[in-house]
N, C-alpha and C. Protein backbone atom coordinates (compact mmCIF):
# COMPACT_ATOMS: atom_id res chain seq x y z
N MET A 1 70.11 113.53 90.53
CA MET A 1 71.26 112.58 90.30
C MET A 1 72.12 112.90 89.63
N PHE A 2 73.39 113.51 89.40
CA PHE A 2 74.09 113.56 88.11
C PHE A 2 74.68 112.28 87.39
N MET A 3 74.34 112.08 86.50
CA MET A 3 74.59 111.12 85.39
C MET A 3 76.45 111.60 84.68
N ASP A 4 78.09 111.12 84.61
CA ASP A 4 79.00 111.68 84.35
C ASP A 4 79.21 111.91 82.69
N PRO A 5 79.31 112.73 81.85
CA PRO A 5 78.79 112.35 80.41
C PRO A 5 79.69 111.43 80.11
N ASP A 6 81.07 111.34 80.65
CA ASP A 6 82.67 110.79 80.11
C ASP A 6 81.87 109.01 79.67
N ALA A 7 81.52 109.10 81.53
CA ALA A 7 81.20 108.05 82.16
C ALA A 7 79.72 106.73 81.04
N GLU A 8 79.03 107.79 81.17
CA GLU A 8 77.83 107.39 80.12
C GLU A 8 78.27 106.77 78.80
N TYR A 9 79.49 107.85 78.22
CA TYR A 9 79.47 107.32 76.61
C TYR A 9 80.77 106.50 76.98
N VAL A 10 81.21 105.89 77.98
CA VAL A 10 82.04 105.06 77.92
C VAL A 10 81.44 103.13 77.96
N MET A 11 80.32 103.62 79.03
CA MET A 11 79.48 102.70 79.68
C MET A 11 78.92 102.07 78.06
N MET A 12 78.27 102.93 77.64
CA MET A 12 76.97 102.89 76.59
C MET A 12 77.52 101.85 75.59
N GLY A 13 79.57 101.30 75.40
CA GLY A 13 79.57 100.76 74.99
C GLY A 13 79.41 98.89 75.70
N ASP A 14 79.04 99.25 76.65
CA ASP A 14 79.27 98.05 77.71
C ASP A 14 77.43 97.37 78.04
N VAL A 15 76.43 98.29 77.59
CA VAL A 15 75.51 97.99 77.71
C VAL A 15 74.62 97.23 76.50
N ARG A 16 74.04 96.08 77.08
CA ARG A 16 73.19 95.74 75.94
C ARG A 16 72.28 96.07 75.38
N ARG A 17 71.24 95.50 74.17
CA ARG A 17 70.29 96.29 73.53
C ARG A 17 69.02 95.68 74.28
N ASP A 18 69.01 95.12 75.30
CA ASP A 18 68.16 94.96 75.71
C ASP A 18 67.96 95.76 77.14
N GLU A 19 69.25 96.31 77.94
CA GLU A 19 69.29 97.08 79.12
C GLU A 19 69.01 98.51 78.70
N LYS A 20 68.66 99.11 80.29
CA LYS A 20 69.05 100.04 80.14
C LYS A 20 69.99 101.23 80.94
N LEU A 21 70.56 101.66 80.92
CA LEU A 21 71.72 102.98 81.72
C LEU A 21 70.76 103.37 82.57
N LEU A 22 70.79 102.98 84.27
CA LEU A 22 70.34 103.77 84.29
C LEU A 22 70.87 105.24 85.31
N TRP A 23 72.17 104.53 85.23
CA TRP A 23 73.56 105.57 86.37
C TRP A 23 74.42 105.66 85.87
N ALA A 24 75.63 106.32 85.25
CA ALA A 24 77.10 106.33 85.12
C ALA A 24 77.70 107.09 85.92
N GLY A 25 79.44 106.97 86.60
CA GLY A 25 79.57 108.05 87.10
C GLY A 25 80.89 107.24 86.93
N ARG A 26 81.80 108.46 88.20
CA ARG A 26 83.44 107.90 87.64
C ARG A 26 83.28 108.17 89.17
N PRO A 27 84.62 107.79 89.82
CA PRO A 27 85.36 108.11 91.40
C PRO A 27 85.97 109.62 91.14
N ALA A 28 86.18 110.12 92.51
CA ALA A 28 86.52 111.17 93.03
C ALA A 28 88.26 110.93 92.10
N ALA A 29 88.25 111.58 91.76
CA ALA A 29 89.78 111.86 91.27
C ALA A 29 90.88 112.49 92.18
N GLY A 30 92.14 112.59 92.34
CA GLY A 30 93.74 112.71 93.01
C GLY A 30 93.25 111.88 94.30
N PHE A 31 94.19 112.27 95.34
CA PHE A 31 94.54 112.18 96.34
C PHE A 31 93.18 111.81 97.49
N ALA A 32 92.94 110.78 98.23
CA ALA A 32 91.85 110.81 98.84
C ALA A 32 92.58 109.72 99.75
N LEU A 33 91.79 109.99 101.30
CA LEU A 33 92.35 109.91 102.74
C LEU A 33 91.04 109.17 103.54
N THR A 34 91.17 107.66 103.62
CA THR A 34 90.20 107.02 104.57
C THR A 34 90.50 106.87 105.53
N PRO A 35 89.67 106.52 106.60
CA PRO A 35 89.49 105.85 107.53
C PRO A 35 91.21 104.98 107.65
N GLY A 36 91.05 103.60 106.96
CA GLY A 36 91.96 102.52 106.87
C GLY A 36 93.22 103.49 106.59
N ASP A 37 93.40 103.88 105.72
CA ASP A 37 94.47 104.90 105.11
C ASP A 37 95.56 105.35 106.40
N VAL A 38 94.42 106.33 107.28
CA VAL A 38 95.33 106.89 108.52
C VAL A 38 96.17 105.61 109.04
N PHE A 39 95.56 105.02 109.62
CA PHE A 39 96.29 103.54 110.10
C PHE A 39 97.72 103.45 109.31
N LEU A 40 97.07 103.13 108.37
CA LEU A 40 98.43 102.07 107.46
C LEU A 40 99.14 103.83 107.42
N THR A 41 99.02 104.61 107.19
CA THR A 41 100.06 105.63 106.90
C THR A 41 100.79 106.18 108.57
N ILE A 42 100.29 106.04 109.58
CA ILE A 42 100.84 106.30 110.84
C ILE A 42 101.65 104.94 110.85
N PHE A 43 101.39 103.95 110.69
CA PHE A 43 102.33 102.25 110.48
C PHE A 43 103.16 101.93 109.46
N GLY A 44 103.39 103.06 108.34
CA GLY A 44 104.42 103.24 107.53
C GLY A 44 105.17 104.38 107.52
N LEU A 45 104.88 105.38 108.99
CA LEU A 45 105.80 106.30 109.40
C LEU A 45 106.79 105.72 110.54
N ALA A 46 106.15 105.25 111.10
CA ALA A 46 106.73 104.25 112.05
C ALA A 46 108.04 103.62 111.52
N TRP A 47 107.05 102.41 110.51
CA TRP A 47 108.09 101.65 109.83
C TRP A 47 109.03 101.82 109.12
N THR A 48 109.04 103.58 108.24
CA THR A 48 109.87 103.47 108.12
C THR A 48 110.82 104.04 108.66
N ALA A 49 110.86 104.78 109.88
CA ALA A 49 112.10 105.97 110.90
C ALA A 49 112.31 104.49 111.45
N ILE A 50 111.79 103.59 111.54
CA ILE A 50 112.88 102.73 112.66
C ILE A 50 113.96 102.38 111.45
N PRO A 51 114.54 101.98 110.55
CA PRO A 51 115.21 101.38 110.24
C PRO A 51 115.55 102.50 109.29
N LEU A 52 115.44 103.31 109.16
CA LEU A 52 116.29 105.18 108.58
C LEU A 52 117.11 105.60 109.55
N GLY A 53 116.51 105.48 110.82
CA GLY A 53 117.01 105.54 112.19
C GLY A 53 118.59 104.58 112.13
N MET A 54 118.50 103.64 112.15
CA MET A 54 119.38 102.36 111.90
C MET A 54 120.48 102.87 110.67
N LEU A 55 119.78 103.18 109.61
CA LEU A 55 120.91 103.47 108.33
C LEU A 55 121.51 104.66 108.79
N LEU A 56 120.56 106.22 109.18
CA LEU A 56 121.86 106.90 109.18
C LEU A 56 122.97 106.88 110.48
N ALA A 57 123.01 105.81 111.41
CA ALA A 57 123.56 105.54 113.19
C ALA A 57 124.78 104.41 112.09
N ILE A 58 124.60 103.71 111.35
CA ILE A 58 125.31 103.43 110.28
C ILE A 58 126.13 104.00 109.93
N LEU A 59 125.53 104.13 108.96
CA LEU A 59 126.51 105.13 108.30
C LEU A 59 127.31 106.17 108.86
N PHE A 60 126.91 107.40 109.73
CA PHE A 60 127.39 107.68 110.77
C PHE A 60 128.12 107.24 111.53
N ALA A 61 128.17 106.20 111.76
CA ALA A 61 129.49 105.21 113.12
C ALA A 61 130.87 104.62 111.64
N GLU A 62 130.54 104.68 110.30
CA GLU A 62 131.17 104.34 109.34
C GLU A 62 131.52 105.27 108.31
N SER A 63 131.81 106.43 108.89
CA SER A 63 132.09 107.82 108.72
C SER A 63 133.50 108.28 109.63
N GLY A 64 132.99 107.43 110.64
CA GLY A 64 134.04 108.27 111.74
C GLY A 64 135.04 107.52 111.89
N GLN A 65 135.11 106.05 111.01
CA GLN A 65 135.48 105.62 111.03
C GLN A 65 136.97 105.01 109.85
N LYS A 66 138.62 104.74 110.41
CA LYS A 66 139.29 105.01 108.78
C LYS A 66 139.49 103.58 108.49
N GLY A 67 139.64 103.25 107.21
CA GLY A 67 139.47 102.11 106.30
C GLY A 67 138.70 102.31 105.33
N GLY A 68 138.57 101.13 105.40
CA GLY A 68 137.72 100.24 103.35
C GLY A 68 135.97 99.76 104.69
N GLU A 69 135.37 99.92 103.84
CA GLU A 69 134.16 99.45 104.42
C GLU A 69 133.89 97.85 104.75
N SER A 70 133.34 97.84 106.31
CA SER A 70 133.09 97.16 106.52
C SER A 70 132.13 95.51 105.83
N PRO A 71 132.31 94.36 106.01
CA PRO A 71 131.33 93.49 104.96
C PRO A 71 129.97 93.36 105.58
N PRO A 72 129.74 94.39 107.22
CA PRO A 72 128.38 93.94 107.48
C PRO A 72 127.88 95.05 107.17
N PHE A 73 128.49 96.01 107.42
CA PHE A 73 128.33 97.02 106.06
C PHE A 73 127.60 97.56 105.35
N LEU A 74 128.11 96.24 103.91
CA LEU A 74 127.59 96.08 103.10
C LEU A 74 126.06 95.18 102.76
N VAL A 75 126.63 94.45 103.93
CA VAL A 75 124.92 93.61 103.91
C VAL A 75 123.54 94.28 104.76
N ILE A 76 124.45 95.10 106.11
CA ILE A 76 123.29 95.66 106.44
C ILE A 76 122.20 96.73 105.14
N VAL A 77 123.16 97.81 104.77
CA VAL A 77 121.95 98.63 104.38
C VAL A 77 121.34 98.76 102.93
N PRO A 78 121.62 97.33 102.16
CA PRO A 78 120.62 96.55 101.41
C PRO A 78 119.84 96.30 102.16
N PHE A 79 120.00 95.44 103.15
CA PHE A 79 118.41 95.21 103.71
C PHE A 79 117.44 96.44 104.25
N LEU A 80 118.18 96.84 105.56
CA LEU A 80 117.36 97.77 105.94
C LEU A 80 116.85 99.60 104.71
N SER A 81 117.35 99.30 103.34
CA SER A 81 116.96 99.76 102.21
C SER A 81 115.11 99.19 102.35
N ILE A 82 115.67 97.97 101.99
CA ILE A 82 114.28 97.33 101.58
C ILE A 82 113.37 97.62 102.41
N PHE A 83 113.38 97.91 104.38
CA PHE A 83 112.15 98.21 104.58
C PHE A 83 111.88 99.83 104.84
N ILE A 84 112.93 100.40 104.64
CA ILE A 84 112.34 101.81 103.79
C ILE A 84 112.13 102.26 102.66
N LEU A 85 111.92 101.29 101.82
CA LEU A 85 111.02 101.60 100.57
C LEU A 85 109.79 100.99 100.62
N ILE A 86 109.73 99.44 101.40
CA ILE A 86 108.62 99.14 102.30
C ILE A 86 107.61 100.19 102.63
N GLY A 87 108.20 100.79 103.57
CA GLY A 87 107.49 102.24 104.78
C GLY A 87 106.87 103.50 103.29
N LEU A 88 108.32 103.75 102.58
CA LEU A 88 107.57 104.81 102.08
C LEU A 88 106.85 104.93 100.70
N TYR A 89 106.71 103.13 100.29
CA TYR A 89 105.11 102.74 99.98
C TYR A 89 103.88 102.56 100.87
N LEU A 90 104.21 102.18 102.29
CA LEU A 90 103.13 102.94 103.00
C LEU A 90 102.70 104.06 103.19
N VAL A 91 103.87 104.65 102.70
CA VAL A 91 103.16 106.27 103.33
C VAL A 91 102.44 106.96 102.02
N VAL A 92 103.37 106.85 101.35
CA VAL A 92 102.83 107.36 99.58
C VAL A 92 102.57 106.90 98.49
N GLY A 93 103.52 105.92 98.84
CA GLY A 93 103.18 104.95 96.81
C GLY A 93 102.21 104.38 97.07
N ARG A 94 101.45 103.98 98.02
CA ARG A 94 100.35 103.37 98.22
C ARG A 94 98.92 104.77 97.54
N HIS A 95 99.18 105.78 97.60
CA HIS A 95 98.53 106.94 97.48
C HIS A 95 98.13 106.82 95.88
N ILE A 96 99.59 106.93 95.51
CA ILE A 96 99.77 107.60 94.04
C ILE A 96 98.51 106.40 93.21
N PHE A 97 98.91 104.94 93.79
CA PHE A 97 98.46 104.03 93.23
C PHE A 97 97.11 104.35 92.77
N ALA A 98 96.11 104.06 93.91
CA ALA A 98 95.13 104.36 94.06
C ALA A 98 94.15 105.50 93.51
N ALA A 99 95.46 106.80 93.37
CA ALA A 99 94.46 107.92 92.59
C ALA A 99 94.76 107.59 91.51
N ARG A 100 95.72 106.47 91.44
CA ARG A 100 96.31 106.39 89.34
C ARG A 100 95.09 105.37 88.88
N ARG A 101 94.52 104.01 89.96
CA ARG A 101 93.16 103.24 89.26
C ARG A 101 91.84 104.40 89.36
N ARG A 102 91.67 104.91 90.33
CA ARG A 102 90.67 105.53 89.91
C ARG A 102 90.14 106.60 89.17
N ARG A 103 91.60 107.01 88.29
CA ARG A 103 91.73 107.69 87.27
C ARG A 103 91.49 107.28 86.15
N ARG A 104 91.38 105.72 85.83
CA ARG A 104 90.99 104.79 84.95
C ARG A 104 89.72 104.08 85.36
N ALA A 105 89.09 104.33 86.06
CA ALA A 105 87.77 103.76 86.83
C ALA A 105 86.24 104.25 85.96
N PHE A 106 85.42 103.92 85.18
CA PHE A 106 84.65 104.25 85.35
C PHE A 106 83.37 102.85 85.65
N TYR A 107 81.88 103.46 86.25
CA TYR A 107 81.18 103.03 87.29
C TYR A 107 79.74 102.39 85.98
N GLY A 108 78.89 101.82 85.94
CA GLY A 108 77.64 102.08 85.80
C GLY A 108 77.05 101.06 86.55
N LEU A 109 75.59 101.28 86.36
CA LEU A 109 74.74 100.73 86.71
C LEU A 109 73.28 101.04 85.55
N THR A 110 72.75 100.03 85.10
CA THR A 110 71.97 99.43 84.43
C THR A 110 70.25 98.46 85.78
N ASN A 111 69.54 98.72 84.32
CA ASN A 111 68.25 97.46 85.00
C ASN A 111 68.64 95.84 85.77
N GLU A 112 69.95 95.63 85.40
CA GLU A 112 70.30 94.38 85.06
C GLU A 112 71.68 93.91 86.41
N ARG A 113 72.76 95.09 86.06
CA ARG A 113 73.29 94.88 87.27
C ARG A 113 73.78 95.93 87.30
N VAL A 114 76.00 95.97 88.03
CA VAL A 114 76.08 96.88 88.35
C VAL A 114 77.67 96.64 87.44
N ILE A 115 78.24 97.44 86.69
CA ILE A 115 79.48 97.54 85.84
C ILE A 115 80.65 98.39 86.03
N ILE A 116 81.60 97.26 86.39
CA ILE A 116 82.64 98.28 86.87
C ILE A 116 83.76 98.09 85.62
N LYS A 117 84.97 98.92 85.18
CA LYS A 117 85.58 98.61 84.29
C LYS A 117 86.61 99.82 84.30
N THR A 118 87.94 99.26 84.24
CA THR A 118 88.59 99.77 84.95
C THR A 118 90.13 99.18 83.95
N ASN A 119 90.56 100.37 83.51
CA ASN A 119 91.73 100.33 82.26
C ASN A 119 91.43 99.45 80.85
N ARG A 120 91.63 98.40 80.83
CA ARG A 120 91.01 97.31 79.21
C ARG A 120 89.62 96.04 80.17
N MET A 121 90.23 95.98 81.45
CA MET A 121 89.41 94.95 82.33
C MET A 121 87.65 95.57 82.70
N THR A 122 86.87 94.34 82.20
CA THR A 122 85.25 95.03 82.88
C THR A 122 84.56 94.24 83.00
N THR A 123 84.22 94.40 84.25
CA THR A 123 83.24 93.32 85.68
C THR A 123 82.01 93.78 85.45
N SER A 124 81.21 93.03 85.37
CA SER A 124 79.28 92.93 86.06
C SER A 124 78.72 92.11 86.81
N PHE A 125 78.43 92.91 87.90
CA PHE A 125 77.53 92.30 88.69
C PHE A 125 76.29 92.21 89.54
N PRO A 126 75.92 90.62 88.54
CA PRO A 126 74.01 90.82 88.54
C PRO A 126 73.30 90.92 89.81
N LEU A 127 72.47 92.35 89.01
CA LEU A 127 71.73 92.92 90.60
C LEU A 127 71.23 91.21 91.36
N HIS A 128 70.66 90.21 90.62
CA HIS A 128 70.08 89.44 91.62
C HIS A 128 71.20 88.81 92.18
N ASN A 129 72.07 88.91 92.09
CA ASN A 129 73.37 88.09 92.40
C ASN A 129 74.20 88.63 94.31
N LEU A 130 74.00 90.18 93.81
CA LEU A 130 74.49 90.83 95.24
C LEU A 130 73.86 90.51 96.63
N GLN A 131 74.30 89.63 97.54
CA GLN A 131 74.61 89.61 98.37
C GLN A 131 74.26 90.45 99.84
N SER A 132 75.45 91.26 99.89
CA SER A 132 74.94 92.16 101.04
C SER A 132 76.05 93.81 99.96
N ILE A 133 74.97 94.93 100.35
CA ILE A 133 75.12 96.72 99.53
C ILE A 133 75.54 97.35 100.52
N SER A 134 76.87 97.99 100.59
CA SER A 134 77.03 98.54 101.92
C SER A 134 77.42 99.77 101.66
N LEU A 135 77.70 101.02 101.95
CA LEU A 135 77.41 102.03 101.90
C LEU A 135 78.96 103.18 102.82
N THR A 136 79.89 103.53 102.32
CA THR A 136 80.41 104.09 103.45
C THR A 136 80.65 105.81 103.18
N GLU A 137 79.77 106.88 103.66
CA GLU A 137 79.90 107.84 102.99
C GLU A 137 80.68 109.36 103.50
N LYS A 138 81.08 110.54 102.94
CA LYS A 138 81.77 111.01 103.94
C LYS A 138 81.34 112.46 103.57
N ARG A 139 81.52 113.56 104.46
CA ARG A 139 80.69 114.62 104.61
C ARG A 139 80.29 115.89 103.47
N ASP A 140 81.07 115.05 102.53
CA ASP A 140 80.96 115.88 101.01
C ASP A 140 79.99 115.37 100.21
N GLY A 141 79.59 114.23 100.57
CA GLY A 141 78.68 113.65 99.96
C GLY A 141 79.43 112.21 98.99
N ARG A 142 80.41 112.30 99.28
CA ARG A 142 80.91 110.92 98.23
C ARG A 142 81.39 110.37 99.32
N GLY A 143 81.56 108.85 98.60
CA GLY A 143 81.34 107.48 99.74
C GLY A 143 81.72 106.42 98.06
N THR A 144 81.79 105.27 99.35
CA THR A 144 82.06 103.81 98.49
C THR A 144 80.87 103.30 98.73
N ILE A 145 80.59 102.58 98.03
CA ILE A 145 79.06 101.40 97.39
C ILE A 145 79.97 99.53 97.47
N THR A 146 80.37 99.06 98.48
CA THR A 146 80.83 97.96 97.91
C THR A 146 79.49 96.81 98.03
N LEU A 147 79.87 95.61 97.50
CA LEU A 147 78.95 95.00 96.87
C LEU A 147 78.73 94.00 97.25
N ALA A 148 79.77 93.46 97.69
CA ALA A 148 80.10 92.10 99.01
C ALA A 148 80.45 92.46 100.13
N PRO A 149 80.38 91.22 101.11
CA PRO A 149 80.89 91.53 102.52
C PRO A 149 82.39 91.40 102.38
N ALA A 150 82.67 92.77 102.94
CA ALA A 150 84.34 93.12 103.21
C ALA A 150 85.30 91.83 103.92
N ASN A 151 86.20 91.43 102.78
CA ASN A 151 87.13 90.17 103.34
C ASN A 151 88.36 90.84 104.37
N PRO A 152 88.64 90.00 105.27
CA PRO A 152 89.27 90.72 106.30
C PRO A 152 90.46 90.68 106.36
N ALA A 153 90.76 89.82 104.91
CA ALA A 153 92.40 89.86 105.34
C ALA A 153 92.50 91.52 104.45
N ALA A 154 91.99 91.58 102.83
CA ALA A 154 92.03 92.63 102.64
C ALA A 154 92.26 93.67 103.02
N ALA A 155 91.96 94.16 104.36
CA ALA A 155 91.75 95.26 105.25
C ALA A 155 92.71 95.47 105.26
N VAL A 156 94.36 94.64 105.53
CA VAL A 156 95.03 95.17 106.00
C VAL A 156 96.22 94.94 105.05
N MET A 157 95.94 95.13 103.52
CA MET A 157 96.58 94.98 102.99
C MET A 157 96.70 96.07 102.22
N PRO A 158 97.69 96.56 101.81
CA PRO A 158 97.90 97.84 101.16
C PRO A 158 97.30 98.64 99.77
N ALA A 159 96.60 99.70 99.29
CA ALA A 159 95.87 99.66 98.42
C ALA A 159 96.84 99.56 96.90
N GLY A 160 96.88 98.55 96.22
CA GLY A 160 97.67 98.83 95.11
C GLY A 160 98.73 97.39 95.15
N PHE A 161 99.11 97.35 96.10
CA PHE A 161 99.52 95.73 96.59
C PHE A 161 99.86 95.13 95.22
N PRO A 162 100.60 94.41 95.60
CA PRO A 162 99.79 93.16 94.07
C PRO A 162 99.42 92.20 94.77
N GLY A 163 97.43 91.87 94.32
CA GLY A 163 97.30 90.77 94.73
C GLY A 163 95.60 91.39 95.21
N THR A 164 96.18 92.58 95.67
CA THR A 164 95.33 93.55 96.67
C THR A 164 94.17 93.21 96.32
N SER A 165 93.83 93.82 94.63
CA SER A 165 92.29 93.70 94.20
C SER A 165 91.27 93.19 94.04
N MET A 166 92.09 91.33 94.01
CA MET A 166 91.22 90.33 94.22
C MET A 166 91.20 89.78 95.60
N MET A 167 91.88 90.51 96.14
CA MET A 167 91.22 90.15 97.65
C MET A 167 89.85 90.92 98.19
N GLN A 168 89.91 92.10 97.46
CA GLN A 168 89.05 93.12 97.91
C GLN A 168 87.81 92.83 97.31
N ALA A 169 86.44 93.22 98.33
CA ALA A 169 84.88 93.31 97.63
C ALA A 169 85.16 94.07 96.60
N PRO A 170 84.24 94.11 95.90
CA PRO A 170 84.04 95.23 94.83
C PRO A 170 82.95 96.37 95.23
N SER A 171 83.72 96.84 94.28
CA SER A 171 83.35 98.68 95.28
C SER A 171 82.98 99.85 94.15
N LEU A 172 81.98 100.49 94.22
CA LEU A 172 82.41 101.67 93.45
C LEU A 172 83.05 102.80 94.50
N ASP A 173 84.34 103.31 93.89
CA ASP A 173 84.78 103.95 94.57
C ASP A 173 85.26 105.79 95.04
N LEU A 174 84.55 105.97 96.51
CA LEU A 174 84.08 107.77 96.06
C LEU A 174 83.64 108.02 94.93
N VAL A 175 82.35 107.19 94.92
CA VAL A 175 81.46 109.00 93.65
C VAL A 175 80.36 109.85 94.32
N PRO A 176 80.68 110.35 93.87
CA PRO A 176 80.23 112.02 94.14
C PRO A 176 78.19 111.19 93.79
N ASP A 177 77.22 111.82 94.84
CA ASP A 177 76.15 111.94 95.44
C ASP A 177 76.06 110.48 95.95
N ALA A 178 76.88 109.55 96.86
CA ALA A 178 77.09 108.26 97.14
C ALA A 178 75.92 107.64 97.53
N ARG A 179 74.61 108.53 98.47
CA ARG A 179 73.92 108.03 99.23
C ARG A 179 72.81 107.70 98.50
N GLU A 180 72.66 108.95 97.23
CA GLU A 180 71.89 108.59 96.00
C GLU A 180 71.90 107.50 95.24
N VAL A 181 72.91 106.96 94.55
CA VAL A 181 73.46 105.88 93.87
C VAL A 181 73.11 104.21 95.12
N TYR A 182 73.83 104.37 96.28
CA TYR A 182 73.24 103.36 96.91
C TYR A 182 71.80 103.32 96.88
N GLN A 183 70.91 104.42 96.65
CA GLN A 183 69.30 104.08 96.86
C GLN A 183 69.43 103.29 95.71
N LEU A 184 69.80 104.46 94.27
CA LEU A 184 69.02 104.03 93.03
C LEU A 184 69.67 101.91 93.51
N ILE A 185 70.47 101.65 93.56
CA ILE A 185 71.48 100.21 93.33
C ILE A 185 70.13 99.80 94.42
N GLN A 186 69.81 99.80 95.40
CA GLN A 186 68.86 98.81 96.33
C GLN A 186 67.16 98.96 96.12
N GLN A 187 67.20 100.29 95.12
CA GLN A 187 65.62 99.89 94.37
C GLN A 187 65.76 99.47 93.59
N VAL A 188 66.56 98.98 91.94
CA VAL A 188 66.19 98.24 91.57
C VAL A 188 66.88 96.83 91.69
N VAL A 189 68.15 96.65 92.67
CA VAL A 189 67.15 95.28 93.27
C VAL A 189 66.53 94.92 93.68
N ARG A 190 65.55 95.56 94.37
CA ARG A 190 63.92 94.94 95.32
C ARG A 190 63.47 94.71 93.75
N ALA A 191 63.41 95.33 92.91
CA ALA A 191 62.57 95.80 91.51
C ALA A 191 62.82 94.20 90.49
N SER A 192 64.13 93.95 91.08
CA SER A 192 64.55 92.73 89.55
C SER A 192 64.48 91.14 91.10
N ALA A 193 64.51 91.53 92.21
CA ALA A 193 63.89 90.88 92.95
C ALA A 193 62.17 90.49 92.86
N ARG A 194 61.39 91.20 92.39
CA ARG A 194 60.02 91.37 92.22
C ARG A 194 59.37 89.83 91.11
N PRO A 195 59.21 89.35 91.25
CA PRO A 195 58.36 88.70 90.14
C PRO A 195 57.46 89.17 89.50
N ALA A 196 57.72 88.60 87.68
CA ALA A 196 57.40 89.49 86.96
C ALA A 196 55.37 89.60 86.86
N GLY A 197 55.17 90.91 86.91
CA GLY A 197 53.62 91.65 86.51
C GLY A 197 52.98 91.23 87.50
N SER A 198 54.21 91.33 89.33
CA SER A 198 53.29 91.71 90.27
C SER A 198 53.45 93.53 91.36
């Protein structure tokens, strides 16, 4: 199993003297589409198309009329523009936010905990407290390892949306050789649950 040298260097600053770093990695960079993203992208396209069509119809109707702009036009256009911006975020913006977040993320596994480092924030999850570990794997071997039961409310929130990160279960996103990392975490969890001396 490959240990990313950059992630190993970053993680060594967070590993305690009584710990051993077993694995360090980073999420895949760039654009990545998950099954949940397909639904949100289609929804975002529909969300954008409706107000955009209404806005174009209003603009063409106004251009055919003589005289100044009517008050309803000045109210409706900004209102529709807000809906269009939300739709564009669902289609494009959230992918940019997700790629940016992954570019700054580092993951580590020690004999005692899982460490997730994003930007300047470091969070650790003691192995003996992990209640649920699940794997979602892609054909190319990359996958996401979730360290807690999924929050149903977070599933409908787009990535990067304010407050979404607090609702989502902690996870190691799009790591290479995900199944090997997943099996290693399970192995270390079982070892940490075993009584000393057994």
